[in-house]
C-alpha cells in the first residue's frame, strides 16, 4: 500500500497538485473586486511555490531555506487575514510578496525541464503550470503598480481591481487583446508590451522543448545498433 501511495504522489504527479493550486489562486484573485491583495490567495501562492520547489527537485538546502521563509510568510499572512488588518503599506507588501512568489516558481520549473528529455504528461503539465504562473506574475506586477501610484491603471471607465488586472494580464499574455481594458500610463503600457513578448517567446520555446524531447538526438540514434547488429551480426556480415 505504501508503495502504491508513493508511486501516485511522486514528484512527477506533483504537477497535478501545482495545477490545482493555481486554479484555486486564480479563482481567489478573480473574486477580488478591489486592488487590495487577497491574504488567502497569497497563502495558496506560497504553498504553490513550496510544492513547485519539491516537484522540481531543488537543492535540499534551497528547499529548507525557502520553506522556512514561506512558512513565516504564510503565518504572517494568516494573522493579517484573521485580524482583518488593512493599510497601504501592508497591501504593497502582500502584493510584492505575491509577485516574488510567482516569479520564483516558473523559473524553478523551467530550470528543471531544461535538463529533461522526452514528451510525456509531466512536460505538458510543467509547460502549462509555468505559463499560468507567468500570467499570475504580471497580474501582481499590475497590482503593485496600481497600489503605489495614484492614477487608475486602466482609466476612469474601468474598475481598477485585482480581477480586472488578472483578466488584462492573461489577454495580454496570450495576445488575445479584446481591447475592452487598455492601460493609460506609459509605464503600464511598457509592462504590457513586455508581457506580450514574454508570452510569445514562452510559447515558442515551450513548443521547441516538447518537439526536442519527443525525438531522440542524432548522436543517440547513431549509437543505437541496427537490427542486424542487435542480432549479433558484425558490420562485415560475419557472425
C-alpha atoms as a PDB file:
ATOM      1  CA  UNK A   1       0.000   0.000   0.000  1.00  0.00           C
ATOM      2  CA  UNK A   2       2.805   2.367   0.854  1.00  0.00           C
ATOM      3  CA  UNK A   3       4.487   1.690  -2.486  1.00  0.00           C
ATOM      4  CA  UNK A   4       1.231   2.483  -4.283  1.00  0.00           C
ATOM      5  CA  UNK A   5       0.832   5.791  -2.480  1.00  0.00           C
ATOM      6  CA  UNK A   6       4.450   6.683  -3.178  1.00  0.00           C
ATOM      7  CA  UNK A   7       4.020   5.874  -6.850  1.00  0.00           C
ATOM      8  CA  UNK A   8       0.908   8.036  -7.082  1.00  0.00           C
ATOM      9  CA  UNK A   9       2.334  11.019  -5.213  1.00  0.00           C
ATOM     10  CA  UNK A  10       5.804  11.099  -6.678  1.00  0.00           C
ATOM     11  CA  UNK A  11       7.362  14.269  -7.989  1.00  0.00           C
ATOM     12  CA  UNK A  12       6.041  13.748 -11.495  1.00  0.00           C
ATOM     13  CA  UNK A  13       2.480  13.551 -10.179  1.00  0.00           C
ATOM     14  CA  UNK A  14       3.117  16.705  -8.184  1.00  0.00           C
ATOM     15  CA  UNK A  15       2.439  18.886 -11.222  1.00  0.00           C
ATOM     16  CA  UNK A  16      -1.230  17.927 -10.934  1.00  0.00           C
ATOM     17  CA  UNK A  17      -1.180  19.452  -7.448  1.00  0.00           C
ATOM     18  CA  UNK A  18       0.527  22.588  -8.794  1.00  0.00           C
ATOM     19  CA  UNK A  19      -2.216  22.973 -11.423  1.00  0.00           C
ATOM     20  CA  UNK A  20      -4.922  22.517  -8.775  1.00  0.00           C
ATOM     21  CA  UNK A  21      -3.352  25.158  -6.523  1.00  0.00           C
ATOM     22  CA  UNK A  22      -3.088  27.566  -9.454  1.00  0.00           C
ATOM     23  CA  UNK A  23      -6.791  27.132 -10.179  1.00  0.00           C
ATOM     24  CA  UNK A  24      -7.604  27.999  -6.557  1.00  0.00           C
ATOM     25  CA  UNK A  25      -5.266  31.023  -6.615  1.00  0.00           C
ATOM     26  CA  UNK A  26      -6.766  32.215  -9.895  1.00  0.00           C
ATOM     27  CA  UNK A  27     -10.310  31.921  -8.507  1.00  0.00           C
ATOM     28  CA  UNK A  28      -9.406  33.859  -5.359  1.00  0.00           C
ATOM     29  CA  UNK A  29      -7.796  36.659  -7.390  1.00  0.00           C
ATOM     30  CA  UNK A  30     -10.700  36.757  -9.859  1.00  0.00           C
ATOM     31  CA  UNK A  31     -13.137  37.203  -6.966  1.00  0.00           C
ATOM     32  CA  UNK A  32     -11.260  40.250  -5.654  1.00  0.00           C
ATOM     33  CA  UNK A  33     -13.254  43.358  -6.605  1.00  0.00           C
ATOM     34  CA  UNK A  34     -10.645  45.835  -5.336  1.00  0.00           C
ATOM     35  CA  UNK A  35      -6.911  46.355  -5.718  1.00  0.00           C
ATOM     36  CA  UNK A  36      -6.335  45.057  -2.193  1.00  0.00           C
ATOM     37  CA  UNK A  37      -4.402  41.767  -2.395  1.00  0.00           C
ATOM     38  CA  UNK A  38      -6.165  38.720  -1.016  1.00  0.00           C
ATOM     39  CA  UNK A  39      -4.308  37.238   2.003  1.00  0.00           C
ATOM     40  CA  UNK A  40      -5.905  33.855   1.334  1.00  0.00           C
ATOM     41  CA  UNK A  41      -4.687  33.933  -2.262  1.00  0.00           C
ATOM     42  CA  UNK A  42      -1.183  34.726  -1.028  1.00  0.00           C
ATOM     43  CA  UNK A  43      -1.237  31.706   1.301  1.00  0.00           C
ATOM     44  CA  UNK A  44      -2.210  29.480  -1.633  1.00  0.00           C
ATOM     45  CA  UNK A  45       0.562  31.057  -3.705  1.00  0.00           C
ATOM     46  CA  UNK A  46       3.165  30.372  -1.032  1.00  0.00           C
ATOM     47  CA  UNK A  47       2.029  26.751  -0.800  1.00  0.00           C
ATOM     48  CA  UNK A  48       2.258  26.548  -4.598  1.00  0.00           C
ATOM     49  CA  UNK A  49       5.868  27.735  -4.544  1.00  0.00           C
ATOM     50  CA  UNK A  50       6.727  25.154  -1.882  1.00  0.00           C
ATOM     51  CA  UNK A  51       5.179  22.381  -3.984  1.00  0.00           C
ATOM     52  CA  UNK A  52       6.997  23.619  -7.103  1.00  0.00           C
ATOM     53  CA  UNK A  53      10.346  23.510  -5.299  1.00  0.00           C
ATOM     54  CA  UNK A  54       9.616  19.919  -4.261  1.00  0.00           C
ATOM     55  CA  UNK A  55       8.461  18.842  -7.708  1.00  0.00           C
ATOM     56  CA  UNK A  56      11.415  20.458  -9.485  1.00  0.00           C
ATOM     57  CA  UNK A  57      13.869  18.743  -7.138  1.00  0.00           C
ATOM     58  CA  UNK A  58      15.518  21.940  -5.973  1.00  0.00           C
ATOM     59  CA  UNK A  59      18.638  21.616  -3.834  1.00  0.00           C
ATOM     60  CA  UNK A  60      17.792  20.420  -0.346  1.00  0.00           C
ATOM     61  CA  UNK A  61      19.330  23.478   1.299  1.00  0.00           C
ATOM     62  CA  UNK A  62      17.386  25.754  -1.046  1.00  0.00           C
ATOM     63  CA  UNK A  63      14.175  23.922  -0.215  1.00  0.00           C
ATOM     64  CA  UNK A  64      14.750  24.145   3.529  1.00  0.00           C
ATOM     65  CA  UNK A  65      15.558  27.869   3.353  1.00  0.00           C
ATOM     66  CA  UNK A  66      12.577  28.562   1.120  1.00  0.00           C
ATOM     67  CA  UNK A  67      10.234  26.557   3.312  1.00  0.00           C
ATOM     68  CA  UNK A  68      11.282  28.497   6.398  1.00  0.00           C
ATOM     69  CA  UNK A  69      10.715  31.813   4.620  1.00  0.00           C
ATOM     70  CA  UNK A  70       7.428  30.648   3.096  1.00  0.00           C
ATOM     71  CA  UNK A  71       6.213  29.342   6.463  1.00  0.00           C
ATOM     72  CA  UNK A  72       6.939  32.666   8.142  1.00  0.00           C
ATOM     73  CA  UNK A  73       5.193  34.485   5.315  1.00  0.00           C
ATOM     74  CA  UNK A  74       2.183  32.164   5.471  1.00  0.00           C
ATOM     75  CA  UNK A  75       1.822  32.578   9.248  1.00  0.00           C
ATOM     76  CA  UNK A  76       2.128  36.369   8.976  1.00  0.00           C
ATOM     77  CA  UNK A  77      -0.447  36.440   6.173  1.00  0.00           C
ATOM     78  CA  UNK A  78      -2.794  34.231   8.184  1.00  0.00           C
ATOM     79  CA  UNK A  79      -2.549  36.604  11.151  1.00  0.00           C
ATOM     80  CA  UNK A  80      -3.300  39.550   8.864  1.00  0.00           C
ATOM     81  CA  UNK A  81      -6.334  37.780   7.424  1.00  0.00           C
ATOM     82  CA  UNK A  82      -7.736  36.684  10.800  1.00  0.00           C
ATOM     83  CA  UNK A  83      -7.232  40.078  12.447  1.00  0.00           C
ATOM     84  CA  UNK A  84      -8.536  41.959   9.424  1.00  0.00           C
ATOM     85  CA  UNK A  85      -5.556  44.296   9.292  1.00  0.00           C
ATOM     86  CA  UNK A  86      -5.528  46.853   6.475  1.00  0.00           C
ATOM     87  CA  UNK A  87      -3.213  49.580   5.229  1.00  0.00           C
ATOM     88  CA  UNK A  88      -1.415  50.790   2.118  1.00  0.00           C
ATOM     89  CA  UNK A  89       1.989  49.580   3.291  1.00  0.00           C
ATOM     90  CA  UNK A  90       0.578  46.162   4.173  1.00  0.00           C
ATOM     91  CA  UNK A  91      -1.175  45.860   0.795  1.00  0.00           C
ATOM     92  CA  UNK A  92       2.033  46.775  -1.040  1.00  0.00           C
ATOM     93  CA  UNK A  93       3.973  44.196   0.990  1.00  0.00           C
ATOM     94  CA  UNK A  94       1.434  41.464   0.216  1.00  0.00           C
ATOM     95  CA  UNK A  95       1.400  42.351  -3.488  1.00  0.00           C
ATOM     96  CA  UNK A  96       5.204  42.367  -3.667  1.00  0.00           C
ATOM     97  CA  UNK A  97       5.366  39.003  -1.897  1.00  0.00           C
ATOM     98  CA  UNK A  98       2.861  37.560  -4.382  1.00  0.00           C
ATOM     99  CA  UNK A  99       4.865  38.862  -7.336  1.00  0.00           C
ATOM    100  CA  UNK A 100       8.065  37.382  -5.938  1.00  0.00           C
ATOM    101  CA  UNK A 101       6.392  34.020  -5.338  1.00  0.00           C
ATOM    102  CA  UNK A 102       5.040  33.871  -8.887  1.00  0.00           C
ATOM    103  CA  UNK A 103       8.451  34.828 -10.251  1.00  0.00           C
ATOM    104  CA  UNK A 104      10.401  32.109  -8.440  1.00  0.00           C
ATOM    105  CA  UNK A 105       8.004  29.272  -9.310  1.00  0.00           C
ATOM    106  CA  UNK A 106       8.179  29.413 -13.150  1.00  0.00           C
ATOM    107  CA  UNK A 107      11.953  29.905 -13.026  1.00  0.00           C
ATOM    108  CA  UNK A 108      12.270  26.709 -10.981  1.00  0.00           C
ATOM    109  CA  UNK A 109      10.014  24.799 -13.408  1.00  0.00           C
ATOM    110  CA  UNK A 110      11.895  25.977 -16.497  1.00  0.00           C
ATOM    111  CA  UNK A 111      15.253  25.147 -14.905  1.00  0.00           C
ATOM    112  CA  UNK A 112      14.018  21.653 -14.102  1.00  0.00           C
ATOM    113  CA  UNK A 113      12.513  20.974 -17.517  1.00  0.00           C
ATOM    114  CA  UNK A 114      15.543  22.177 -19.481  1.00  0.00           C
ATOM    115  CA  UNK A 115      17.508  19.138 -18.295  1.00  0.00           C
ATOM    116  CA  UNK A 116      14.756  16.625 -19.060  1.00  0.00           C
ATOM    117  CA  UNK A 117      14.132  14.759 -22.277  1.00  0.00           C
ATOM    118  CA  UNK A 118      11.052  13.020 -23.530  1.00  0.00           C
ATOM    119  CA  UNK A 119       7.497  14.033 -24.378  1.00  0.00           C
ATOM    120  CA  UNK A 120       5.202  12.990 -21.559  1.00  0.00           C
ATOM    121  CA  UNK A 121       2.424  14.247 -19.338  1.00  0.00           C
ATOM    122  CA  UNK A 122       4.914  15.834 -16.947  1.00  0.00           C
ATOM    123  CA  UNK A 123       6.401  18.009 -19.697  1.00  0.00           C
ATOM    124  CA  UNK A 124       2.954  19.205 -20.780  1.00  0.00           C
ATOM    125  CA  UNK A 125       1.794  19.926 -17.231  1.00  0.00           C
ATOM    126  CA  UNK A 126       5.053  21.733 -16.473  1.00  0.00           C
ATOM    127  CA  UNK A 127       4.622  23.946 -19.542  1.00  0.00           C
ATOM    128  CA  UNK A 128       1.021  24.757 -18.602  1.00  0.00           C
ATOM    129  CA  UNK A 129       1.924  25.492 -14.975  1.00  0.00           C
ATOM    130  CA  UNK A 130       4.844  27.751 -15.907  1.00  0.00           C
ATOM    131  CA  UNK A 131       2.709  29.612 -18.476  1.00  0.00           C
ATOM    132  CA  UNK A 132      -0.072  30.275 -15.955  1.00  0.00           C
ATOM    133  CA  UNK A 133       2.485  31.327 -13.337  1.00  0.00           C
ATOM    134  CA  UNK A 134       3.916  33.915 -15.739  1.00  0.00           C
ATOM    135  CA  UNK A 135       0.441  35.367 -16.238  1.00  0.00           C
ATOM    136  CA  UNK A 136      -0.125  35.474 -12.478  1.00  0.00           C
ATOM    137  CA  UNK A 137       3.242  37.160 -12.003  1.00  0.00           C
ATOM    138  CA  UNK A 138       2.346  40.007 -14.364  1.00  0.00           C
ATOM    139  CA  UNK A 139      -1.038  40.284 -12.650  1.00  0.00           C
ATOM    140  CA  UNK A 140       0.734  41.012  -9.379  1.00  0.00           C
ATOM    141  CA  UNK A 141       3.016  43.492 -11.140  1.00  0.00           C
ATOM    142  CA  UNK A 142      -0.019  45.428 -12.402  1.00  0.00           C
ATOM    143  CA  UNK A 143      -1.496  45.240  -8.928  1.00  0.00           C
ATOM    144  CA  UNK A 144       1.703  46.528  -7.339  1.00  0.00           C
ATOM    145  CA  UNK A 145       1.842  49.455  -9.786  1.00  0.00           C
ATOM    146  CA  UNK A 146      -1.789  50.306  -9.005  1.00  0.00           C
ATOM    147  CA  UNK A 147      -1.071  50.324  -5.277  1.00  0.00           C
ATOM    148  CA  UNK A 148       1.979  52.603  -5.461  1.00  0.00           C
ATOM    149  CA  UNK A 149       0.514  55.088  -7.974  1.00  0.00           C
ATOM    150  CA  UNK A 150      -2.441  57.425  -7.676  1.00  0.00           C
ATOM    151  CA  UNK A 151      -3.714  57.378 -11.269  1.00  0.00           C
ATOM    152  CA  UNK A 152      -6.017  54.485 -12.310  1.00  0.00           C
ATOM    153  CA  UNK A 153      -4.254  51.741 -14.229  1.00  0.00           C
ATOM    154  CA  UNK A 154      -6.915  51.369 -16.925  1.00  0.00           C
ATOM    155  CA  UNK A 155      -8.522  54.809 -16.894  1.00  0.00           C
ATOM    156  CA  UNK A 156     -11.679  56.099 -15.260  1.00  0.00           C
ATOM    157  CA  UNK A 157     -14.097  53.896 -17.230  1.00  0.00           C
ATOM    158  CA  UNK A 158     -12.719  50.603 -15.867  1.00  0.00           C
ATOM    159  CA  UNK A 159     -12.936  49.484 -12.260  1.00  0.00           C
ATOM    160  CA  UNK A 160      -9.348  49.061 -11.096  1.00  0.00           C
ATOM    161  CA  UNK A 161      -9.372  45.735  -9.276  1.00  0.00           C
ATOM    162  CA  UNK A 162      -7.336  42.577  -8.977  1.00  0.00           C
ATOM    163  CA  UNK A 163      -9.992  40.866 -11.073  1.00  0.00           C
ATOM    164  CA  UNK A 164      -9.619  43.307 -13.986  1.00  0.00           C
ATOM    165  CA  UNK A 165      -5.825  43.143 -13.679  1.00  0.00           C
ATOM    166  CA  UNK A 166      -5.992  39.345 -13.873  1.00  0.00           C
ATOM    167  CA  UNK A 167      -8.186  39.469 -16.975  1.00  0.00           C
ATOM    168  CA  UNK A 168      -5.957  42.028 -18.679  1.00  0.00           C
ATOM    169  CA  UNK A 169      -2.814  40.066 -17.824  1.00  0.00           C
ATOM    170  CA  UNK A 170      -3.943  36.835 -19.452  1.00  0.00           C
ATOM    171  CA  UNK A 171      -5.457  38.504 -22.510  1.00  0.00           C
ATOM    172  CA  UNK A 172      -2.118  40.261 -22.950  1.00  0.00           C
ATOM    173  CA  UNK A 173      -0.031  37.147 -22.289  1.00  0.00           C
ATOM    174  CA  UNK A 174      -1.992  35.211 -24.900  1.00  0.00           C
ATOM    175  CA  UNK A 175      -2.068  38.304 -27.208  1.00  0.00           C
ATOM    176  CA  UNK A 176      -5.855  37.979 -27.397  1.00  0.00           C
ATOM    177  CA  UNK A 177      -6.310  41.715 -26.875  1.00  0.00           C
ATOM    178  CA  UNK A 178     -10.065  42.259 -26.645  1.00  0.00           C
ATOM    179  CA  UNK A 179      -9.478  45.985 -26.255  1.00  0.00           C
ATOM    180  CA  UNK A 180     -12.103  46.491 -23.546  1.00  0.00           C
ATOM    181  CA  UNK A 181      -9.364  47.174 -20.987  1.00  0.00           C
ATOM    182  CA  UNK A 182      -6.483  49.421 -22.026  1.00  0.00           C
ATOM    183  CA  UNK A 183      -3.679  50.766 -19.806  1.00  0.00           C
ATOM    184  CA  UNK A 184      -3.370  54.536 -19.815  1.00  0.00           C
ATOM    185  CA  UNK A 185       0.066  55.207 -18.331  1.00  0.00           C
ATOM    186  CA  UNK A 186       3.260  54.699 -20.382  1.00  0.00           C
ATOM    187  CA  UNK A 187       4.758  52.592 -17.582  1.00  0.00           C
ATOM    188  CA  UNK A 188       1.904  50.077 -17.556  1.00  0.00           C
ATOM    189  CA  UNK A 189       1.854  50.051 -21.349  1.00  0.00           C
ATOM    190  CA  UNK A 190       5.533  49.114 -21.308  1.00  0.00           C
ATOM    191  CA  UNK A 191       4.830  46.276 -18.864  1.00  0.00           C
ATOM    192  CA  UNK A 192       2.026  45.064 -21.149  1.00  0.00           C
ATOM    193  CA  UNK A 193       4.377  45.015 -24.149  1.00  0.00           C
ATOM    194  CA  UNK A 194       6.938  43.065 -22.112  1.00  0.00           C
ATOM    195  CA  UNK A 195       4.263  40.551 -21.095  1.00  0.00           C
ATOM    196  CA  UNK A 196       3.068  40.058 -24.674  1.00  0.00           C
ATOM    197  CA  UNK A 197       6.637  39.432 -25.848  1.00  0.00           C
ATOM    198  CA  UNK A 198       7.225  37.062 -22.932  1.00  0.00           C
ATOM    199  CA  UNK A 199       4.079  35.123 -23.782  1.00  0.00           C
ATOM    200  CA  UNK A 200       5.096  34.647 -27.400  1.00  0.00           C
ATOM    201  CA  UNK A 201       8.665  33.690 -26.544  1.00  0.00           C
ATOM    202  CA  UNK A 202       7.399  31.235 -23.952  1.00  0.00           C
ATOM    203  CA  UNK A 203       5.116  29.507 -26.443  1.00  0.00           C
ATOM    204  CA  UNK A 204       7.911  29.251 -28.996  1.00  0.00           C
ATOM    205  CA  UNK A 205      10.395  27.820 -26.510  1.00  0.00           C
ATOM    206  CA  UNK A 206       7.808  25.514 -24.917  1.00  0.00           C
ATOM    207  CA  UNK A 207       6.840  24.022 -28.288  1.00  0.00           C
ATOM    208  CA  UNK A 208      10.506  23.688 -29.204  1.00  0.00           C
ATOM    209  CA  UNK A 209      11.170  21.971 -25.882  1.00  0.00           C
ATOM    210  CA  UNK A 210       8.361  19.499 -26.424  1.00  0.00           C
ATOM    211  CA  UNK A 211       9.375  18.778 -30.013  1.00  0.00           C
ATOM    212  CA  UNK A 212      13.003  18.355 -28.990  1.00  0.00           C
ATOM    213  CA  UNK A 213      12.012  15.999 -26.220  1.00  0.00           C
ATOM    214  CA  UNK A 214       9.738  13.915 -28.433  1.00  0.00           C
ATOM    215  CA  UNK A 215      12.546  12.716 -30.699  1.00  0.00           C
ATOM    216  CA  UNK A 216      15.947  11.237 -29.999  1.00  0.00           C
ATOM    217  CA  UNK A 217      19.027  13.282 -30.828  1.00  0.00           C
ATOM    218  CA  UNK A 218      21.047  12.275 -33.884  1.00  0.00           C
ATOM    219  CA  UNK A 219      24.065  11.252 -31.830  1.00  0.00           C
ATOM    220  CA  UNK A 220      21.923   8.856 -29.781  1.00  0.00           C
ATOM    221  CA  UNK A 221      20.420   7.334 -32.919  1.00  0.00           C
ATOM    222  CA  UNK A 222      23.924   6.840 -34.335  1.00  0.00           C
ATOM    223  CA  UNK A 223      24.900   4.909 -31.210  1.00  0.00           C
ATOM    224  CA  UNK A 224      21.887   2.609 -31.465  1.00  0.00           C
ATOM    225  CA  UNK A 225      22.810  -0.611 -33.351  1.00  0.00           C
ATOM    226  CA  UNK A 226      20.724  -1.661 -36.317  1.00  0.00           C
ATOM    227  CA  UNK A 227      18.544  -4.773 -36.301  1.00  0.00           C
ATOM    228  CA  UNK A 228      21.267  -6.959 -37.837  1.00  0.00           C
ATOM    229  CA  UNK A 229      23.842  -5.775 -35.288  1.00  0.00           C
ATOM    230  CA  UNK A 230      21.385  -6.242 -32.441  1.00  0.00           C
ATOM    231  CA  UNK A 231      21.016  -9.859 -33.515  1.00  0.00           C
ATOM    232  CA  UNK A 232      24.747 -10.424 -33.116  1.00  0.00           C
ATOM    233  CA  UNK A 233      25.960  -9.799 -36.696  1.00  0.00           C
ATOM    234  CA  UNK A 234      29.204  -7.929 -37.307  1.00  0.00           C
ATOM    235  CA  UNK A 235      29.396  -4.863 -39.601  1.00  0.00           C
ATOM    236  CA  UNK A 236      31.148  -7.020 -42.228  1.00  0.00           C
ATOM    237  CA  UNK A 237      28.339  -9.567 -42.319  1.00  0.00           C
ATOM    238  CA  UNK A 238      30.206 -12.144 -40.188  1.00  0.00           C
ATOM    239  CA  UNK A 239      28.598 -13.521 -37.098  1.00  0.00           C
END
